[in-house]
Each structure stands twice: as C-alpha cells, then as structure tokens.
Amino acid sequence: MFSHVVIFWTKSDRPAAAEALLAGCRELLASIPGVESFHCGRMVHSQRPVVDQSYQVGLNLVFRDQAAQDAYQEHPLHLRFVKEVFQPNCERCVVYDFA
C-alpha cells in the first residue's frame, strides 16, 4: 500500500477556493486509474494543540504501490487538476507520501 496525503492552503483572496478545490478533487482525481481509496475534506477544528489547523483542505489517496502513484502523477486528469484547480486556488501545499 502507498499513501499520498496532500495538505492545501487556499488563497485568501478567493473566498470560494476551498469549495472549488474540493469539487475539483472529486471530479478529476477520484476516478484516475490506480486510486484504491479517495477522501478529501475540509480541515476539522480541534481543541488538541498537536492538531495543525492552519490549512483549509486535505486529500488522502491510497494506491496499490508507488508505481501506481507515479502513473497517477502523470495522468491527464491529474495534470488538468494542477493547472485548472490547484494553481488558481492554492497558495501552497505539502505532500506526505509513505508506504
């Protein structure tokens, strides 16, 4: 199993950025071949001080192996997501990959 976690910080001057990002994740990324598990959502507020609450949207994908994740990165729908959804709506992201 290969997990690919992406944490997104949206642009503050785009009030609908988080919703656009979530819609784009669901529309473009969930159906890419090789994605075995897909979940995206908004940051959840917590009283626990160890929980990072500075981001707006998280994405969690699971692949069979790193080769499947590598293919996902080059898939036309992922490239479209980066250009049409990520770039206009996000200041930055952090990626955590682990197997």
PDB file of N, CA and C in Angstrom:
ATOM      1  N   MET A   1       0.843  -1.168   0.000  1.00  0.00           N
ATOM      2  CA  MET A   1       0.000   0.000   0.000  1.00  0.00           C
ATOM      3  C   MET A   1       0.893   1.237   0.000  1.00  0.00           C
ATOM      4  N   PHE A   2       0.464   2.280  -0.741  1.00  0.00           N
ATOM      5  CA  PHE A   2       1.190   3.543  -0.833  1.00  0.00           C
ATOM      6  C   PHE A   2       0.204   4.668  -0.556  1.00  0.00           C
ATOM      7  N   SER A   3       0.468   5.453   0.480  1.00  0.00           N
ATOM      8  CA  SER A   3      -0.415   6.560   0.848  1.00  0.00           C
ATOM      9  C   SER A   3       0.161   7.877   0.357  1.00  0.00           C
ATOM     10  N   HIS A   4      -0.726   8.700  -0.181  1.00  0.00           N
ATOM     11  CA  HIS A   4      -0.365  10.019  -0.724  1.00  0.00           C
ATOM     12  C   HIS A   4      -1.307  11.024  -0.069  1.00  0.00           C
ATOM     13  N   VAL A   5      -0.764  11.839   0.835  1.00  0.00           N
ATOM     14  CA  VAL A   5      -1.555  12.818   1.580  1.00  0.00           C
ATOM     15  C   VAL A   5      -1.113  14.205   1.145  1.00  0.00           C
ATOM     16  N   VAL A   6      -2.090  15.042   0.783  1.00  0.00           N
ATOM     17  CA  VAL A   6      -1.792  16.406   0.351  1.00  0.00           C
ATOM     18  C   VAL A   6      -2.581  17.371   1.229  1.00  0.00           C
ATOM     19  N   ILE A   7      -1.882  18.355   1.775  1.00  0.00           N
ATOM     20  CA  ILE A   7      -2.499  19.387   2.602  1.00  0.00           C
ATOM     21  C   ILE A   7      -2.426  20.692   1.811  1.00  0.00           C
ATOM     22  N   PHE A   8      -3.587  21.354   1.657  1.00  0.00           N
ATOM     23  CA  PHE A   8      -3.682  22.561   0.834  1.00  0.00           C
ATOM     24  C   PHE A   8      -3.988  23.802   1.665  1.00  0.00           C
ATOM     25  N   TRP A   9      -3.294  24.882   1.361  1.00  0.00           N
ATOM     26  CA  TRP A   9      -3.614  26.205   1.882  1.00  0.00           C
ATOM     27  C   TRP A   9      -4.157  27.014   0.715  1.00  0.00           C
ATOM     28  N   THR A  10      -5.385  27.459   0.829  1.00  0.00           N
ATOM     29  CA  THR A  10      -6.035  28.180  -0.273  1.00  0.00           C
ATOM     30  C   THR A  10      -5.689  29.667  -0.245  1.00  0.00           C
ATOM     31  N   LYS A  11      -5.895  30.323  -1.362  1.00  0.00           N
ATOM     32  CA  LYS A  11      -5.630  31.755  -1.489  1.00  0.00           C
ATOM     33  C   LYS A  11      -6.682  32.541  -0.707  1.00  0.00           C
ATOM     34  N   SER A  12      -6.219  33.433   0.141  1.00  0.00           N
ATOM     35  CA  SER A  12      -7.135  34.191   1.000  1.00  0.00           C
ATOM     36  C   SER A  12      -8.014  35.160   0.218  1.00  0.00           C
ATOM     37  N   ASP A  13      -7.593  35.552  -0.974  1.00  0.00           N
ATOM     38  CA  ASP A  13      -8.401  36.483  -1.772  1.00  0.00           C
ATOM     39  C   ASP A  13      -9.431  35.764  -2.650  1.00  0.00           C
ATOM     40  N   ARG A  14      -9.562  34.452  -2.467  1.00  0.00           N
ATOM     41  CA  ARG A  14     -10.544  33.661  -3.214  1.00  0.00           C
ATOM     42  C   ARG A  14     -11.457  32.948  -2.214  1.00  0.00           C
ATOM     43  N   PRO A  15     -12.567  33.589  -1.814  1.00  0.00           N
ATOM     44  CA  PRO A  15     -13.431  33.026  -0.775  1.00  0.00           C
ATOM     45  C   PRO A  15     -13.998  31.643  -1.099  1.00  0.00           C
ATOM     46  N   ALA A  16     -14.161  31.323  -2.365  1.00  0.00           N
ATOM     47  CA  ALA A  16     -14.722  30.031  -2.759  1.00  0.00           C
ATOM     48  C   ALA A  16     -13.634  29.012  -3.099  1.00  0.00           C
ATOM     49  N   ALA A  17     -12.386  29.313  -2.768  1.00  0.00           N
ATOM     50  CA  ALA A  17     -11.274  28.447  -3.162  1.00  0.00           C
ATOM     51  C   ALA A  17     -11.378  27.047  -2.572  1.00  0.00           C
ATOM     52  N   ALA A  18     -11.726  26.933  -1.307  1.00  0.00           N
ATOM     53  CA  ALA A  18     -11.802  25.605  -0.683  1.00  0.00           C
ATOM     54  C   ALA A  18     -12.869  24.757  -1.355  1.00  0.00           C
ATOM     55  N   GLU A  19     -14.013  25.350  -1.613  1.00  0.00           N
ATOM     56  CA  GLU A  19     -15.091  24.595  -2.262  1.00  0.00           C
ATOM     57  C   GLU A  19     -14.703  24.197  -3.685  1.00  0.00           C
ATOM     58  N   ALA A  20     -14.031  25.091  -4.408  1.00  0.00           N
ATOM     59  CA  ALA A  20     -13.562  24.774  -5.768  1.00  0.00           C
ATOM     60  C   ALA A  20     -12.538  23.651  -5.736  1.00  0.00           C
ATOM     61  N   LEU A  21     -11.672  23.676  -4.744  1.00  0.00           N
ATOM     62  CA  LEU A  21     -10.660  22.640  -4.606  1.00  0.00           C
ATOM     63  C   LEU A  21     -11.292  21.287  -4.312  1.00  0.00           C
ATOM     64  N   LEU A  22     -12.235  21.256  -3.394  1.00  0.00           N
ATOM     65  CA  LEU A  22     -12.929  20.002  -3.082  1.00  0.00           C
ATOM     66  C   LEU A  22     -13.672  19.460  -4.298  1.00  0.00           C
ATOM     67  N   ALA A  23     -14.375  20.325  -5.004  1.00  0.00           N
ATOM     68  CA  ALA A  23     -15.112  19.890  -6.197  1.00  0.00           C
ATOM     69  C   ALA A  23     -14.154  19.358  -7.257  1.00  0.00           C
ATOM     70  N   GLY A  24     -13.032  20.034  -7.444  1.00  0.00           N
ATOM     71  CA  GLY A  24     -12.052  19.582  -8.423  1.00  0.00           C
ATOM     72  C   GLY A  24     -11.436  18.245  -8.055  1.00  0.00           C
ATOM     73  N   CYS A  25     -11.153  18.050  -6.767  1.00  0.00           N
ATOM     74  CA  CYS A  25     -10.623  16.755  -6.317  1.00  0.00           C
ATOM     75  C   CYS A  25     -11.605  15.639  -6.651  1.00  0.00           C
ATOM     76  N   ARG A  26     -12.855  15.864  -6.295  1.00  0.00           N
ATOM     77  CA  ARG A  26     -13.879  14.831  -6.519  1.00  0.00           C
ATOM     78  C   ARG A  26     -14.097  14.568  -8.001  1.00  0.00           C
ATOM     79  N   GLU A  27     -14.147  15.632  -8.787  1.00  0.00           N
ATOM     80  CA  GLU A  27     -14.446  15.491 -10.213  1.00  0.00           C
ATOM     81  C   GLU A  27     -13.282  14.897 -10.997  1.00  0.00           C
ATOM     82  N   LEU A  28     -12.062  15.330 -10.697  1.00  0.00           N
ATOM     83  CA  LEU A  28     -10.934  14.969 -11.546  1.00  0.00           C
ATOM     84  C   LEU A  28     -10.028  13.869 -10.988  1.00  0.00           C
ATOM     85  N   LEU A  29      -9.885  13.773  -9.686  1.00  0.00           N
ATOM     86  CA  LEU A  29      -8.883  12.856  -9.133  1.00  0.00           C
ATOM     87  C   LEU A  29      -9.428  11.497  -8.718  1.00  0.00           C
ATOM     88  N   ALA A  30     -10.656  11.454  -8.238  1.00  0.00           N
ATOM     89  CA  ALA A  30     -11.194  10.210  -7.656  1.00  0.00           C
ATOM     90  C   ALA A  30     -11.245   9.052  -8.646  1.00  0.00           C
ATOM     91  N   SER A  31     -11.442   9.347  -9.917  1.00  0.00           N
ATOM     92  CA  SER A  31     -11.632   8.278 -10.898  1.00  0.00           C
ATOM     93  C   SER A  31     -10.365   7.899 -11.660  1.00  0.00           C
ATOM     94  N   ILE A  32      -9.233   8.489 -11.306  1.00  0.00           N
ATOM     95  CA  ILE A  32      -7.995   8.154 -12.010  1.00  0.00           C
ATOM     96  C   ILE A  32      -7.634   6.693 -11.715  1.00  0.00           C
ATOM     97  N   PRO A  33      -7.306   5.918 -12.746  1.00  0.00           N
ATOM     98  CA  PRO A  33      -6.944   4.515 -12.529  1.00  0.00           C
ATOM     99  C   PRO A  33      -5.806   4.382 -11.517  1.00  0.00           C
ATOM    100  N   GLY A  34      -5.938   3.394 -10.661  1.00  0.00           N
ATOM    101  CA  GLY A  34      -4.928   3.135  -9.653  1.00  0.00           C
ATOM    102  C   GLY A  34      -5.282   3.674  -8.278  1.00  0.00           C
ATOM    103  N   VAL A  35      -6.234   4.616  -8.213  1.00  0.00           N
ATOM    104  CA  VAL A  35      -6.665   5.146  -6.917  1.00  0.00           C
ATOM    105  C   VAL A  35      -7.556   4.096  -6.256  1.00  0.00           C
ATOM    106  N   GLU A  36      -7.089   3.523  -5.166  1.00  0.00           N
ATOM    107  CA  GLU A  36      -7.862   2.492  -4.474  1.00  0.00           C
ATOM    108  C   GLU A  36      -8.734   3.066  -3.374  1.00  0.00           C
ATOM    109  N   SER A  37      -8.311   4.192  -2.810  1.00  0.00           N
ATOM    110  CA  SER A  37      -9.087   4.853  -1.768  1.00  0.00           C
ATOM    111  C   SER A  37      -8.929   6.353  -1.953  1.00  0.00           C
ATOM    112  N   PHE A  38     -10.038   7.068  -1.852  1.00  0.00           N
ATOM    113  CA  PHE A  38     -10.053   8.520  -2.077  1.00  0.00           C
ATOM    114  C   PHE A  38     -10.842   9.183  -0.963  1.00  0.00           C
ATOM    115  N   HIS A  39     -10.275  10.224  -0.394  1.00  0.00           N
ATOM    116  CA  HIS A  39     -11.001  11.035   0.583  1.00  0.00           C
ATOM    117  C   HIS A  39     -10.429  12.445   0.545  1.00  0.00           C
ATOM    118  N   CYS A  40     -11.329  13.422   0.428  1.00  0.00           N
ATOM    119  CA  CYS A  40     -10.919  14.812   0.561  1.00  0.00           C
ATOM    120  C   CYS A  40     -11.919  15.508   1.468  1.00  0.00           C
ATOM    121  N   GLY A  41     -11.470  16.545   2.152  1.00  0.00           N
ATOM    122  CA  GLY A  41     -12.368  17.262   3.040  1.00  0.00           C
ATOM    123  C   GLY A  41     -11.721  18.500   3.616  1.00  0.00           C
ATOM    124  N   ARG A  42     -12.533  19.263   4.326  1.00  0.00           N
ATOM    125  CA  ARG A  42     -12.061  20.484   4.990  1.00  0.00           C
ATOM    126  C   ARG A  42     -11.361  20.136   6.296  1.00  0.00           C
ATOM    127  N   MET A  43     -10.482  21.024   6.715  1.00  0.00           N
ATOM    128  CA  MET A  43      -9.811  20.903   8.000  1.00  0.00           C
ATOM    129  C   MET A  43     -10.877  20.882   9.095  1.00  0.00           C
ATOM    130  N   VAL A  44     -10.680  20.011  10.071  1.00  0.00           N
ATOM    131  CA  VAL A  44     -11.606  19.882  11.193  1.00  0.00           C
ATOM    132  C   VAL A  44     -10.996  20.585  12.402  1.00  0.00           C
ATOM    133  N   HIS A  45     -11.756  21.477  13.009  1.00  0.00           N
ATOM    134  CA  HIS A  45     -11.273  22.183  14.200  1.00  0.00           C
ATOM    135  C   HIS A  45     -11.115  21.210  15.367  1.00  0.00           C
ATOM    136  N   SER A  46     -10.106  21.459  16.174  1.00  0.00           N
ATOM    137  CA  SER A  46      -9.799  20.581  17.299  1.00  0.00           C
ATOM    138  C   SER A  46      -9.325  21.413  18.486  1.00  0.00           C
ATOM    139  N   GLN A  47      -9.592  20.925  19.657  1.00  0.00           N
ATOM    140  CA  GLN A  47      -9.081  21.542  20.883  1.00  0.00           C
ATOM    141  C   GLN A  47      -7.677  21.045  21.210  1.00  0.00           C
ATOM    142  N   ARG A  48      -7.226  20.018  20.504  1.00  0.00           N
ATOM    143  CA  ARG A  48      -5.915  19.420  20.773  1.00  0.00           C
ATOM    144  C   ARG A  48      -4.809  20.281  20.170  1.00  0.00           C
ATOM    145  N   PRO A  49      -3.829  20.696  20.947  1.00  0.00           N
ATOM    146  CA  PRO A  49      -2.782  21.577  20.435  1.00  0.00           C
ATOM    147  C   PRO A  49      -1.860  20.926  19.399  1.00  0.00           C
ATOM    148  N   VAL A  50      -1.846  19.608  19.317  1.00  0.00           N
ATOM    149  CA  VAL A  50      -0.973  18.939  18.338  1.00  0.00           C
ATOM    150  C   VAL A  50      -1.588  18.892  16.940  1.00  0.00           C
ATOM    151  N   VAL A  51      -2.850  19.295  16.805  1.00  0.00           N
ATOM    152  CA  VAL A  51      -3.536  19.239  15.509  1.00  0.00           C
ATOM    153  C   VAL A  51      -3.288  20.539  14.753  1.00  0.00           C
ATOM    154  N   ASP A  52      -2.686  20.439  13.572  1.00  0.00           N
ATOM    155  CA  ASP A  52      -2.446  21.611  12.725  1.00  0.00           C
ATOM    156  C   ASP A  52      -3.787  22.102  12.192  1.00  0.00           C
ATOM    157  N   GLN A  53      -4.069  23.368  12.422  1.00  0.00           N
ATOM    158  CA  GLN A  53      -5.329  23.946  11.968  1.00  0.00           C
ATOM    159  C   GLN A  53      -5.099  25.147  11.053  1.00  0.00           C
ATOM    160  N   SER A  54      -3.957  25.160  10.397  1.00  0.00           N
ATOM    161  CA  SER A  54      -3.613  26.305   9.548  1.00  0.00           C
ATOM    162  C   SER A  54      -4.019  26.118   8.090  1.00  0.00           C
ATOM    163  N   TYR A  55      -4.389  24.924   7.696  1.00  0.00           N
ATOM    164  CA  TYR A  55      -4.728  24.634   6.298  1.00  0.00           C
ATOM    165  C   TYR A  55      -6.245  24.643   6.110  1.00  0.00           C
ATOM    166  N   GLN A  56      -6.697  24.515   4.869  1.00  0.00           N
ATOM    167  CA  GLN A  56      -8.129  24.516   4.591  1.00  0.00           C
ATOM    168  C   GLN A  56      -8.657  23.178   4.079  1.00  0.00           C
ATOM    169  N   VAL A  57      -7.869  22.460   3.274  1.00  0.00           N
ATOM    170  CA  VAL A  57      -8.359  21.227   2.630  1.00  0.00           C
ATOM    171  C   VAL A  57      -7.286  20.152   2.703  1.00  0.00           C
ATOM    172  N   GLY A  58      -7.718  18.909   2.933  1.00  0.00           N
ATOM    173  CA  GLY A  58      -6.822  17.763   2.912  1.00  0.00           C
ATOM    174  C   GLY A  58      -7.298  16.736   1.891  1.00  0.00           C
ATOM    175  N   LEU A  59      -6.339  16.029   1.309  1.00  0.00           N
ATOM    176  CA  LEU A  59      -6.622  14.972   0.337  1.00  0.00           C
ATOM    177  C   LEU A  59      -5.823  13.745   0.756  1.00  0.00           C
ATOM    178  N   ASN A  60      -6.492  12.599   0.781  1.00  0.00           N
ATOM    179  CA  ASN A  60      -5.841  11.349   1.161  1.00  0.00           C
ATOM    180  C   ASN A  60      -6.146  10.306   0.088  1.00  0.00           C
ATOM    181  N   LEU A  61      -5.106   9.836  -0.593  1.00  0.00           N
ATOM    182  CA  LEU A  61      -5.252   8.814  -1.631  1.00  0.00           C
ATOM    183  C   LEU A  61      -4.408   7.603  -1.263  1.00  0.00           C
ATOM    184  N   VAL A  62      -4.929   6.432  -1.577  1.00  0.00           N
ATOM    185  CA  VAL A  62      -4.179   5.194  -1.356  1.00  0.00           C
ATOM    186  C   VAL A  62      -4.065   4.466  -2.695  1.00  0.00           C
ATOM    187  N   PHE A  63      -2.859   3.993  -2.976  1.00  0.00           N
ATOM    188  CA  PHE A  63      -2.557   3.241  -4.196  1.00  0.00           C
ATOM    189  C   PHE A  63      -2.007   1.877  -3.805  1.00  0.00           C
ATOM    190  N   ARG A  64      -2.045   0.960  -4.732  1.00  0.00           N
ATOM    191  CA  ARG A  64      -1.505  -0.382  -4.500  1.00  0.00           C
ATOM    192  C   ARG A  64      -0.015  -0.316  -4.189  1.00  0.00           C
ATOM    193  N   ASP A  65       0.703   0.537  -4.948  1.00  0.00           N
ATOM    194  CA  ASP A  65       2.145   0.652  -4.776  1.00  0.00           C
ATOM    195  C   ASP A  65       2.619   1.985  -5.336  1.00  0.00           C
ATOM    196  N   GLN A  66       3.912   2.239  -5.207  1.00  0.00           N
ATOM    197  CA  GLN A  66       4.443   3.516  -5.673  1.00  0.00           C
ATOM    198  C   GLN A  66       4.327   3.656  -7.188  1.00  0.00           C
ATOM    199  N   ALA A  67       4.438   2.567  -7.927  1.00  0.00           N
ATOM    200  CA  ALA A  67       4.306   2.637  -9.385  1.00  0.00           C
ATOM    201  C   ALA A  67       2.926   3.161  -9.781  1.00  0.00           C
ATOM    202  N   ALA A  68       1.881   2.745  -9.082  1.00  0.00           N
ATOM    203  CA  ALA A  68       0.529   3.234  -9.374  1.00  0.00           C
ATOM    204  C   ALA A  68       0.422   4.726  -9.067  1.00  0.00           C
ATOM    205  N   GLN A  69       1.060   5.159  -7.988  1.00  0.00           N
ATOM    206  CA  GLN A  69       1.060   6.577  -7.638  1.00  0.00           C
ATOM    207  C   GLN A  69       1.858   7.382  -8.656  1.00  0.00           C
ATOM    208  N   ASP A  70       2.963   6.837  -9.118  1.00  0.00           N
ATOM    209  CA  ASP A  70       3.765   7.517 -10.141  1.00  0.00           C
ATOM    210  C   ASP A  70       2.965   7.713 -11.424  1.00  0.00           C
ATOM    211  N   ALA A  71       2.196   6.700 -11.818  1.00  0.00           N
ATOM    212  CA  ALA A  71       1.352   6.809 -13.015  1.00  0.00           C
ATOM    213  C   ALA A  71       0.263   7.862 -12.815  1.00  0.00           C
ATOM    214  N   TYR A  72      -0.308   7.912 -11.622  1.00  0.00           N
ATOM    215  CA  TYR A  72      -1.318   8.916 -11.272  1.00  0.00           C
ATOM    216  C   TYR A  72      -0.772  10.326 -11.469  1.00  0.00           C
ATOM    217  N   GLN A  73       0.469  10.554 -11.064  1.00  0.00           N
ATOM    218  CA  GLN A  73       1.069  11.886 -11.167  1.00  0.00           C
ATOM    219  C   GLN A  73       1.129  12.392 -12.602  1.00  0.00           C
ATOM    220  N   GLU A  74       1.249  11.482 -13.564  1.00  0.00           N
ATOM    221  CA  GLU A  74       1.358  11.849 -14.977  1.00  0.00           C
ATOM    222  C   GLU A  74       0.030  11.754 -15.729  1.00  0.00           C
ATOM    223  N   HIS A  75      -1.020  11.294 -15.059  1.00  0.00           N
ATOM    224  CA  HIS A  75      -2.315  11.126 -15.719  1.00  0.00           C
ATOM    225  C   HIS A  75      -2.866  12.487 -16.160  1.00  0.00           C
ATOM    226  N   PRO A  76      -3.474  12.556 -17.352  1.00  0.00           N
ATOM    227  CA  PRO A  76      -4.011  13.836 -17.847  1.00  0.00           C
ATOM    228  C   PRO A  76      -5.009  14.511 -16.900  1.00  0.00           C
ATOM    229  N   LEU A  77      -5.811  13.740 -16.172  1.00  0.00           N
ATOM    230  CA  LEU A  77      -6.755  14.359 -15.237  1.00  0.00           C
ATOM    231  C   LEU A  77      -6.027  15.004 -14.054  1.00  0.00           C
ATOM    232  N   HIS A  78      -4.947  14.393 -13.594  1.00  0.00           N
ATOM    233  CA  HIS A  78      -4.165  14.994 -12.515  1.00  0.00           C
ATOM    234  C   HIS A  78      -3.487  16.275 -13.005  1.00  0.00           C
ATOM    235  N   LEU A  79      -2.926  16.235 -14.209  1.00  0.00           N
ATOM    236  CA  LEU A  79      -2.283  17.416 -14.766  1.00  0.00           C
ATOM    237  C   LEU A  79      -3.304  18.537 -14.977  1.00  0.00           C
ATOM    238  N   ARG A  80      -4.497  18.185 -15.395  1.00  0.00           N
ATOM    239  CA  ARG A  80      -5.574  19.171 -15.539  1.00  0.00           C
ATOM    240  C   ARG A  80      -5.953  19.764 -14.184  1.00  0.00           C
ATOM    241  N   PHE A  81      -6.046  18.918 -13.150  1.00  0.00           N
ATOM    242  CA  PHE A  81      -6.346  19.386 -11.804  1.00  0.00           C
ATOM    243  C   PHE A  81      -5.312  20.415 -11.353  1.00  0.00           C
ATOM    244  N   VAL A  82      -4.049  20.122 -11.553  1.00  0.00           N
ATOM    245  CA  VAL A  82      -2.986  21.041 -11.134  1.00  0.00           C
ATOM    246  C   VAL A  82      -3.147  22.393 -11.822  1.00  0.00           C
ATOM    247  N   LYS A  83      -3.376  22.374 -13.115  1.00  0.00           N
ATOM    248  CA  LYS A  83      -3.464  23.617 -13.891  1.00  0.00           C
ATOM    249  C   LYS A  83      -4.755  24.389 -13.627  1.00  0.00           C
ATOM    250  N   GLU A  84      -5.896  23.694 -13.638  1.00  0.00           N
ATOM    251  CA  GLU A  84      -7.188  24.370 -13.603  1.00  0.00           C
ATOM    252  C   GLU A  84      -7.760  24.564 -12.200  1.00  0.00           C
ATOM    253  N   VAL A  85      -7.325  23.758 -11.242  1.00  0.00           N
ATOM    254  CA  VAL A  85      -7.905  23.822  -9.892  1.00  0.00           C
ATOM    255  C   VAL A  85      -6.873  24.253  -8.857  1.00  0.00           C
ATOM    256  N   PHE A  86      -5.764  23.545  -8.799  1.00  0.00           N
ATOM    257  CA  PHE A  86      -4.759  23.853  -7.786  1.00  0.00           C
ATOM    258  C   PHE A  86      -4.159  25.249  -7.981  1.00  0.00           C
ATOM    259  N   GLN A  87      -3.603  25.520  -9.134  1.00  0.00           N
ATOM    260  CA  GLN A  87      -2.887  26.775  -9.349  1.00  0.00           C
ATOM    261  C   GLN A  87      -3.754  28.019  -9.114  1.00  0.00           C
ATOM    262  N   PRO A  88      -5.010  28.056  -9.578  1.00  0.00           N
ATOM    263  CA  PRO A  88      -5.802  29.265  -9.337  1.00  0.00           C
ATOM    264  C   PRO A  88      -6.275  29.434  -7.894  1.00  0.00           C
ATOM    265  N   ASN A  89      -6.321  28.359  -7.121  1.00  0.00           N
ATOM    266  CA  ASN A  89      -6.957  28.410  -5.807  1.00  0.00           C
ATOM    267  C   ASN A  89      -6.031  28.238  -4.611  1.00  0.00           C
ATOM    268  N   CYS A  90      -4.802  27.802  -4.811  1.00  0.00           N
ATOM    269  CA  CYS A  90      -3.945  27.461  -3.679  1.00  0.00           C
ATOM    270  C   CYS A  90      -2.684  28.300  -3.611  1.00  0.00           C
ATOM    271  N   GLU A  91      -2.349  28.688  -2.374  1.00  0.00           N
ATOM    272  CA  GLU A  91      -1.082  29.361  -2.098  1.00  0.00           C
ATOM    273  C   GLU A  91       0.048  28.351  -2.086  1.00  0.00           C
ATOM    274  N   ARG A  92      -0.221  27.206  -1.450  1.00  0.00           N
ATOM    275  CA  ARG A  92       0.821  26.187  -1.310  1.00  0.00           C
ATOM    276  C   ARG A  92       0.195  24.865  -0.903  1.00  0.00           C
ATOM    277  N   CYS A  93       1.023  23.834  -0.951  1.00  0.00           N
ATOM    278  CA  CYS A  93       0.596  22.523  -0.450  1.00  0.00           C
ATOM    279  C   CYS A  93       1.811  21.807   0.120  1.00  0.00           C
ATOM    280  N   VAL A  94       1.544  20.833   0.945  1.00  0.00           N
ATOM    281  CA  VAL A  94       2.572  19.945   1.480  1.00  0.00           C
ATOM    282  C   VAL A  94       2.112  18.533   1.177  1.00  0.00           C
ATOM    283  N   VAL A  95       3.036  17.694   0.761  1.00  0.00           N
ATOM    284  CA  VAL A  95       2.725  16.314   0.401  1.00  0.00           C
ATOM    285  C   VAL A  95       3.455  15.366   1.342  1.00  0.00           C
ATOM    286  N   TYR A  96       2.723  14.362   1.815  1.00  0.00           N
ATOM    287  CA  TYR A  96       3.309  13.301   2.629  1.00  0.00           C
ATOM    288  C   TYR A  96       3.042  11.979   1.913  1.00  0.00           C
ATOM    289  N   ASP A  97       4.089  11.318   1.463  1.00  0.00           N
ATOM    290  CA  ASP A  97       3.990  10.004   0.829  1.00  0.00           C
ATOM    291  C   ASP A  97       4.631   8.986   1.763  1.00  0.00           C
ATOM    292  N   PHE A  98       3.953   7.873   1.965  1.00  0.00           N
ATOM    293  CA  PHE A  98       4.554   6.802   2.758  1.00  0.00           C
ATOM    294  C   PHE A  98       4.001   5.463   2.350  1.00  0.00           C
ATOM    295  N   ALA A  99       4.805   4.431   2.562  1.00  0.00           N
ATOM    296  CA  ALA A  99       4.416   3.069   2.190  1.00  0.00           C
ATOM    297  C   ALA A  99       4.570   2.153   3.384  1.00  0.00           C
TER     298      ALA A  99
END
